[in-house]
Amino acid sequence: MTPTNPPLGAELRDRREARGLNKTELAAHLGTTAVAVSAWERGDQQPGDEHAAALVELFGEGERSA
């Protein structure tokens, strides 16, 4: 059986916490709100292209857990 990647929201939360950032700090870095970050982490919304690119730059793309 092939392992599956965690949902984007869980991955975002894990990476944010690993960096020692709270939602407000991550939001400030990205130029958005903590409410938006929370919605991404819950899976209620997806980050737009600009925010997704900033997340990749901040957290890296190839480090996703397996």
Foldseek 3Di string as FASTA:
>chain_A
DDDDFDPQLCQLVVQCVVVVHDLQRLCVQLVHHSVVNVCCNVVVDPDDPSSVVVCCVVRNDPPGDD
